[in-house]
Structures are given as C-alpha cells and as structure tokens.
Amino acid sequence: MDWKDYFAREEGLGLLATSDAEGNVNLAVYSKPRVLDDGTLAFGMGDRLTHANLQANPKAAYAFAQAGYRGVRLYLEKVREEVDGPVLEAIRGRADAVVGPGTGAAVGSLVCFRVTRSLALVGPEPA
C-alpha cells in the first residue's frame, strides 16, 4: 500500500503501542505519521515513556482508526532516530500550530520505522 497517499487522504485517530525490555506495554495517542521518501514512517517524540520503550525494544504497533471501524494496524520496527533536521523542524512547527505555542519544543526526536506487516483494523487485509 502507498502509505503516503493513504495518510494524506484519510482522517482518523492514531494509537502507538510500545513495550519495554520486560514486555510492559504502553499505549499513546499519536498523529498520523510522516511518510518519508524512502517509505519509512516518522513520528515526532518527546522524552516520555513511548520514546524510552523504543530505546529498549525497537518494535511497535500503530493503529489508525477511521470512522465506521475502518482503518489499519501497522507493525513497525525502528530503523533510525534523528535529533535535528527539516522533517523534525516541520513536525515541531505543526505541533505549535495545532496544539499550541511552545508545544513543538517538547518534540526532541524524530523516530523512523519500517512497516513489517499491515492488517485491516477490522476485517480483511488492506489492499
């Protein structure tokens, strides 16, 4: 699936699940990911539990729920992390605009994932 096209056209709620080295799970609300030119999905993250979990365990799951039980489940593996650059700056600017001034300053890193598997949120697998 073309994730760049999918996330550009669809609206919904995103949830990112991670776990620490012992398997303790965390679930957090996340915006739609940025889809980079290399096909990786990028999320801006603050220094919180989700980010800490990814230091110990690079695997995550992202659920994107649209209206009417439509959406996708994406199984992810962290491939890199960046602490500066134009994509991170754009995410910080968007956080300031959407959430409120100063919010972007809490976004300390850009975490990039490859999609290892995708499933429909409910029902058959996405095309």
N, C-alpha and C. Protein backbone atom coordinates (compact mmCIF):
# COMPACT_ATOMS: atom_id res chain seq x y z
N MET A 1 0.85 -1.19 0.00
CA MET A 1 0.00 0.00 0.00
C MET A 1 0.89 1.24 0.00
N ASP A 2 0.41 2.28 -0.64
CA ASP A 2 1.11 3.56 -0.67
C ASP A 2 0.70 4.34 0.58
N TRP A 3 1.53 4.26 1.62
CA TRP A 3 1.19 4.88 2.90
C TRP A 3 1.14 6.40 2.80
N LYS A 4 1.96 6.99 1.96
CA LYS A 4 1.95 8.45 1.80
C LYS A 4 0.58 8.90 1.31
N ASP A 5 0.06 8.23 0.30
CA ASP A 5 -1.26 8.55 -0.25
C ASP A 5 -2.35 8.25 0.78
N TYR A 6 -2.26 7.13 1.43
CA TYR A 6 -3.28 6.73 2.42
C TYR A 6 -3.41 7.78 3.53
N PHE A 7 -2.30 8.15 4.14
CA PHE A 7 -2.38 9.09 5.26
C PHE A 7 -2.69 10.51 4.81
N ALA A 8 -2.41 10.84 3.56
CA ALA A 8 -2.76 12.17 3.04
C ALA A 8 -4.27 12.30 2.86
N ARG A 9 -4.95 11.22 2.52
CA ARG A 9 -6.38 11.32 2.21
C ARG A 9 -7.30 10.91 3.35
N GLU A 10 -6.84 10.15 4.32
CA GLU A 10 -7.72 9.61 5.37
C GLU A 10 -7.61 10.41 6.67
N GLU A 11 -8.72 10.48 7.37
CA GLU A 11 -8.78 11.11 8.70
C GLU A 11 -9.08 10.04 9.73
N GLY A 12 -8.54 10.22 10.92
CA GLY A 12 -8.80 9.25 11.97
C GLY A 12 -7.95 9.51 13.20
N LEU A 13 -7.94 8.55 14.08
CA LEU A 13 -7.21 8.62 15.35
C LEU A 13 -6.11 7.58 15.35
N GLY A 14 -4.90 7.98 15.71
CA GLY A 14 -3.77 7.06 15.76
C GLY A 14 -3.36 6.71 17.17
N LEU A 15 -3.01 5.44 17.37
CA LEU A 15 -2.52 4.95 18.66
C LEU A 15 -1.23 4.18 18.41
N LEU A 16 -0.19 4.50 19.18
CA LEU A 16 1.10 3.83 19.05
C LEU A 16 1.36 3.02 20.31
N ALA A 17 1.59 1.72 20.12
CA ALA A 17 1.87 0.82 21.24
C ALA A 17 3.34 0.42 21.21
N THR A 18 3.96 0.48 22.37
CA THR A 18 5.35 0.05 22.54
C THR A 18 5.44 -0.77 23.82
N SER A 19 6.57 -1.44 24.00
CA SER A 19 6.79 -2.13 25.28
C SER A 19 8.27 -2.03 25.63
N ASP A 20 8.54 -2.13 26.91
CA ASP A 20 9.92 -2.08 27.36
C ASP A 20 10.56 -3.46 27.22
N ALA A 21 11.78 -3.61 27.69
CA ALA A 21 12.51 -4.87 27.55
C ALA A 21 11.83 -6.02 28.29
N GLU A 22 11.06 -5.72 29.32
CA GLU A 22 10.37 -6.76 30.09
C GLU A 22 8.97 -7.06 29.54
N GLY A 23 8.54 -6.34 28.52
CA GLY A 23 7.23 -6.58 27.93
C GLY A 23 6.11 -5.76 28.51
N ASN A 24 6.42 -4.77 29.35
CA ASN A 24 5.40 -3.89 29.89
C ASN A 24 4.94 -2.93 28.79
N VAL A 25 3.66 -2.96 28.48
CA VAL A 25 3.12 -2.26 27.32
C VAL A 25 2.68 -0.84 27.67
N ASN A 26 2.88 0.06 26.72
CA ASN A 26 2.40 1.43 26.80
C ASN A 26 1.61 1.72 25.53
N LEU A 27 0.56 2.51 25.65
CA LEU A 27 -0.25 2.92 24.51
C LEU A 27 -0.42 4.43 24.58
N ALA A 28 -0.18 5.11 23.46
CA ALA A 28 -0.26 6.56 23.44
C ALA A 28 -0.93 7.04 22.16
N VAL A 29 -1.67 8.14 22.26
CA VAL A 29 -2.29 8.76 21.08
C VAL A 29 -1.19 9.47 20.29
N TYR A 30 -1.15 9.20 18.98
CA TYR A 30 -0.18 9.82 18.09
C TYR A 30 -0.88 10.28 16.82
N SER A 31 -0.38 11.36 16.26
CA SER A 31 -0.93 11.85 15.00
C SER A 31 -0.56 10.88 13.87
N LYS A 32 -1.07 11.18 12.69
CA LYS A 32 -0.67 10.39 11.52
C LYS A 32 0.84 10.55 11.33
N PRO A 33 1.51 9.50 10.87
CA PRO A 33 2.95 9.62 10.65
C PRO A 33 3.27 10.42 9.39
N ARG A 34 4.47 10.94 9.36
CA ARG A 34 5.02 11.48 8.12
C ARG A 34 5.57 10.29 7.36
N VAL A 35 5.27 10.20 6.09
CA VAL A 35 5.82 9.13 5.26
C VAL A 35 6.97 9.74 4.47
N LEU A 36 8.18 9.27 4.72
CA LEU A 36 9.37 9.83 4.09
C LEU A 36 9.58 9.22 2.71
N ASP A 37 10.46 9.83 1.94
CA ASP A 37 10.70 9.40 0.57
C ASP A 37 11.17 7.95 0.48
N ASP A 38 11.85 7.46 1.51
CA ASP A 38 12.32 6.08 1.50
C ASP A 38 11.25 5.09 1.96
N GLY A 39 10.03 5.59 2.24
CA GLY A 39 8.93 4.73 2.65
C GLY A 39 8.80 4.50 4.14
N THR A 40 9.76 5.00 4.91
CA THR A 40 9.66 4.85 6.35
C THR A 40 8.61 5.81 6.91
N LEU A 41 8.04 5.42 8.05
CA LEU A 41 7.07 6.26 8.76
C LEU A 41 7.80 6.96 9.89
N ALA A 42 7.58 8.26 10.02
CA ALA A 42 8.29 9.06 11.02
C ALA A 42 7.31 9.72 11.97
N PHE A 43 7.64 9.65 13.25
CA PHE A 43 6.86 10.29 14.31
C PHE A 43 7.78 11.19 15.12
N GLY A 44 7.29 12.38 15.47
CA GLY A 44 8.00 13.23 16.40
C GLY A 44 7.68 12.76 17.82
N MET A 45 8.70 12.68 18.67
CA MET A 45 8.50 12.19 20.04
C MET A 45 9.20 13.05 21.06
N GLY A 46 8.53 13.19 22.19
CA GLY A 46 9.14 13.81 23.35
C GLY A 46 9.86 12.76 24.16
N ASP A 47 10.53 13.18 25.20
CA ASP A 47 11.27 12.26 26.06
C ASP A 47 10.30 11.71 27.11
N ARG A 48 9.47 10.77 26.67
CA ARG A 48 8.45 10.19 27.52
C ARG A 48 8.52 8.67 27.44
N LEU A 49 7.50 8.00 27.94
CA LEU A 49 7.53 6.54 28.05
C LEU A 49 7.64 5.84 26.69
N THR A 50 6.91 6.28 25.68
CA THR A 50 7.00 5.67 24.36
C THR A 50 8.43 5.70 23.85
N HIS A 51 9.06 6.86 23.93
CA HIS A 51 10.44 7.01 23.47
C HIS A 51 11.39 6.14 24.28
N ALA A 52 11.21 6.10 25.58
CA ALA A 52 12.06 5.26 26.44
C ALA A 52 11.90 3.78 26.08
N ASN A 53 10.68 3.34 25.84
CA ASN A 53 10.47 1.94 25.47
C ASN A 53 11.21 1.59 24.18
N LEU A 54 11.21 2.50 23.23
CA LEU A 54 11.86 2.23 21.94
C LEU A 54 13.38 2.16 22.04
N GLN A 55 13.95 2.65 23.12
CA GLN A 55 15.39 2.51 23.33
C GLN A 55 15.73 1.08 23.72
N ALA A 56 14.78 0.40 24.37
CA ALA A 56 14.99 -0.98 24.82
C ALA A 56 14.43 -2.01 23.86
N ASN A 57 13.38 -1.65 23.11
CA ASN A 57 12.69 -2.59 22.23
C ASN A 57 12.28 -1.82 20.98
N PRO A 58 12.86 -2.13 19.82
CA PRO A 58 12.59 -1.35 18.61
C PRO A 58 11.26 -1.65 17.92
N LYS A 59 10.49 -2.60 18.44
CA LYS A 59 9.24 -2.97 17.79
C LYS A 59 8.07 -2.20 18.39
N ALA A 60 7.10 -1.87 17.52
CA ALA A 60 5.93 -1.12 17.93
C ALA A 60 4.76 -1.51 17.04
N ALA A 61 3.58 -1.08 17.42
CA ALA A 61 2.38 -1.26 16.59
C ALA A 61 1.64 0.07 16.58
N TYR A 62 1.10 0.41 15.42
CA TYR A 62 0.36 1.66 15.24
C TYR A 62 -1.00 1.31 14.68
N ALA A 63 -2.05 1.71 15.36
CA ALA A 63 -3.42 1.52 14.88
C ALA A 63 -3.96 2.87 14.46
N PHE A 64 -4.54 2.90 13.27
CA PHE A 64 -5.15 4.12 12.75
C PHE A 64 -6.62 3.81 12.52
N ALA A 65 -7.48 4.41 13.35
CA ALA A 65 -8.91 4.13 13.31
C ALA A 65 -9.66 5.24 12.61
N GLN A 66 -10.37 4.88 11.54
CA GLN A 66 -11.23 5.79 10.81
C GLN A 66 -12.67 5.56 11.26
N ALA A 67 -13.58 6.35 10.76
CA ALA A 67 -15.00 6.18 11.08
C ALA A 67 -15.48 4.82 10.58
N GLY A 68 -16.44 4.25 11.28
CA GLY A 68 -17.06 3.01 10.84
C GLY A 68 -16.17 1.79 10.96
N TYR A 69 -15.29 1.76 11.90
CA TYR A 69 -14.39 0.62 12.14
C TYR A 69 -13.43 0.35 10.99
N ARG A 70 -13.22 1.33 10.13
CA ARG A 70 -12.23 1.20 9.07
C ARG A 70 -10.88 1.65 9.62
N GLY A 71 -9.84 1.22 8.95
CA GLY A 71 -8.51 1.65 9.35
C GLY A 71 -7.50 0.54 9.18
N VAL A 72 -6.30 0.77 9.72
CA VAL A 72 -5.22 -0.19 9.58
C VAL A 72 -4.49 -0.40 10.91
N ARG A 73 -3.87 -1.59 10.99
CA ARG A 73 -2.92 -1.90 12.05
C ARG A 73 -1.57 -2.09 11.38
N LEU A 74 -0.58 -1.34 11.81
CA LEU A 74 0.76 -1.43 11.24
C LEU A 74 1.73 -1.93 12.28
N TYR A 75 2.48 -2.95 11.93
CA TYR A 75 3.52 -3.48 12.80
C TYR A 75 4.82 -2.87 12.33
N LEU A 76 5.55 -2.28 13.26
CA LEU A 76 6.68 -1.42 12.94
C LEU A 76 7.96 -1.89 13.61
N GLU A 77 9.08 -1.52 12.99
CA GLU A 77 10.39 -1.72 13.60
C GLU A 77 11.20 -0.44 13.42
N LYS A 78 11.72 0.06 14.52
CA LYS A 78 12.52 1.29 14.48
C LYS A 78 13.78 1.06 13.66
N VAL A 79 14.05 2.00 12.73
CA VAL A 79 15.25 1.89 11.90
C VAL A 79 16.26 3.01 12.17
N ARG A 80 15.77 4.14 12.67
CA ARG A 80 16.70 5.23 12.99
C ARG A 80 15.99 6.30 13.81
N GLU A 81 16.81 7.17 14.37
CA GLU A 81 16.30 8.29 15.15
C GLU A 81 17.16 9.51 14.84
N GLU A 82 16.51 10.67 14.71
CA GLU A 82 17.21 11.91 14.40
C GLU A 82 16.83 12.96 15.44
N VAL A 83 17.79 13.81 15.78
CA VAL A 83 17.53 14.86 16.77
C VAL A 83 17.55 16.26 16.15
N ASP A 84 17.70 16.31 14.83
CA ASP A 84 17.61 17.59 14.12
C ASP A 84 17.27 17.31 12.66
N GLY A 85 17.04 18.37 11.93
CA GLY A 85 16.74 18.22 10.50
C GLY A 85 15.41 18.84 10.14
N PRO A 86 15.17 18.98 8.83
CA PRO A 86 13.98 19.70 8.36
C PRO A 86 12.66 18.99 8.67
N VAL A 87 12.62 17.68 8.66
CA VAL A 87 11.36 16.98 8.97
C VAL A 87 11.00 17.19 10.43
N LEU A 88 11.99 17.07 11.31
CA LEU A 88 11.73 17.30 12.74
C LEU A 88 11.28 18.74 12.97
N GLU A 89 11.90 19.69 12.31
CA GLU A 89 11.51 21.10 12.47
C GLU A 89 10.08 21.32 11.98
N ALA A 90 9.70 20.66 10.89
CA ALA A 90 8.33 20.79 10.38
C ALA A 90 7.33 20.21 11.38
N ILE A 91 7.66 19.10 11.99
CA ILE A 91 6.78 18.49 12.99
C ILE A 91 6.66 19.40 14.21
N ARG A 92 7.75 19.98 14.64
CA ARG A 92 7.70 20.92 15.77
C ARG A 92 6.80 22.11 15.44
N GLY A 93 6.94 22.65 14.24
CA GLY A 93 6.10 23.77 13.83
C GLY A 93 4.63 23.40 13.78
N ARG A 94 4.34 22.21 13.29
CA ARG A 94 2.94 21.75 13.24
C ARG A 94 2.38 21.57 14.65
N ALA A 95 3.19 21.06 15.57
CA ALA A 95 2.74 20.90 16.96
C ALA A 95 2.41 22.26 17.57
N ASP A 96 3.23 23.25 17.31
CA ASP A 96 2.96 24.60 17.81
C ASP A 96 1.65 25.14 17.24
N ALA A 97 1.41 24.88 15.96
CA ALA A 97 0.21 25.41 15.31
C ALA A 97 -1.06 24.69 15.75
N VAL A 98 -0.99 23.37 15.92
CA VAL A 98 -2.19 22.58 16.22
C VAL A 98 -2.48 22.52 17.72
N VAL A 99 -1.45 22.26 18.52
CA VAL A 99 -1.66 22.07 19.96
C VAL A 99 -1.55 23.39 20.71
N GLY A 100 -0.56 24.19 20.35
CA GLY A 100 -0.37 25.48 21.00
C GLY A 100 1.08 25.89 21.00
N PRO A 101 1.34 27.20 21.07
CA PRO A 101 2.71 27.71 21.05
C PRO A 101 3.57 27.07 22.13
N GLY A 102 4.78 26.69 21.76
CA GLY A 102 5.72 26.07 22.70
C GLY A 102 5.65 24.56 22.75
N THR A 103 4.59 23.98 22.21
CA THR A 103 4.44 22.52 22.24
C THR A 103 5.55 21.84 21.45
N GLY A 104 5.93 22.42 20.33
CA GLY A 104 6.96 21.82 19.49
C GLY A 104 8.30 21.67 20.18
N ALA A 105 8.58 22.52 21.15
CA ALA A 105 9.86 22.43 21.87
C ALA A 105 10.01 21.11 22.62
N ALA A 106 8.89 20.47 22.96
CA ALA A 106 8.94 19.19 23.67
C ALA A 106 9.22 18.01 22.75
N VAL A 107 9.16 18.24 21.44
CA VAL A 107 9.41 17.17 20.47
C VAL A 107 10.92 17.10 20.27
N GLY A 108 11.56 16.16 20.93
CA GLY A 108 13.01 16.08 20.95
C GLY A 108 13.63 15.25 19.85
N SER A 109 12.85 14.33 19.26
CA SER A 109 13.45 13.48 18.25
C SER A 109 12.42 13.02 17.22
N LEU A 110 12.95 12.62 16.09
CA LEU A 110 12.17 12.05 15.01
C LEU A 110 12.53 10.57 14.98
N VAL A 111 11.55 9.71 15.18
CA VAL A 111 11.79 8.28 15.19
C VAL A 111 11.17 7.68 13.92
N CYS A 112 11.99 6.94 13.18
CA CYS A 112 11.59 6.40 11.88
C CYS A 112 11.46 4.88 11.95
N PHE A 113 10.40 4.38 11.32
CA PHE A 113 10.09 2.95 11.36
C PHE A 113 9.88 2.41 9.96
N ARG A 114 10.18 1.13 9.78
CA ARG A 114 9.74 0.43 8.58
C ARG A 114 8.53 -0.39 8.96
N VAL A 115 7.62 -0.53 8.02
CA VAL A 115 6.41 -1.33 8.24
C VAL A 115 6.78 -2.78 7.94
N THR A 116 6.60 -3.66 8.94
CA THR A 116 6.92 -5.07 8.75
C THR A 116 5.68 -5.89 8.38
N ARG A 117 4.51 -5.37 8.73
CA ARG A 117 3.25 -6.06 8.41
C ARG A 117 2.11 -5.05 8.53
N SER A 118 1.10 -5.22 7.69
CA SER A 118 -0.09 -4.37 7.81
C SER A 118 -1.33 -5.25 7.74
N LEU A 119 -2.30 -4.90 8.57
CA LEU A 119 -3.59 -5.59 8.61
C LEU A 119 -4.68 -4.55 8.69
N ALA A 120 -5.87 -4.90 8.25
CA ALA A 120 -7.01 -4.03 8.43
C ALA A 120 -7.29 -3.89 9.92
N LEU A 121 -7.89 -2.79 10.30
CA LEU A 121 -8.27 -2.61 11.69
C LEU A 121 -9.28 -3.68 12.09
N VAL A 122 -10.26 -3.91 11.22
CA VAL A 122 -11.26 -4.97 11.37
C VAL A 122 -11.50 -5.54 9.99
N GLY A 123 -11.61 -6.84 9.88
CA GLY A 123 -11.94 -7.44 8.58
C GLY A 123 -10.74 -7.79 7.75
N PRO A 124 -10.92 -7.82 6.42
CA PRO A 124 -9.86 -8.28 5.53
C PRO A 124 -8.68 -7.33 5.49
N GLU A 125 -7.55 -7.85 5.05
CA GLU A 125 -6.33 -7.05 4.96
C GLU A 125 -6.48 -5.92 3.95
N PRO A 126 -5.79 -4.78 4.19
CA PRO A 126 -5.89 -3.66 3.25
C PRO A 126 -5.24 -4.03 1.91
N ALA A 127 -5.72 -3.37 0.86
CA ALA A 127 -5.17 -3.64 -0.49
C ALA A 127 -3.80 -3.03 -0.65
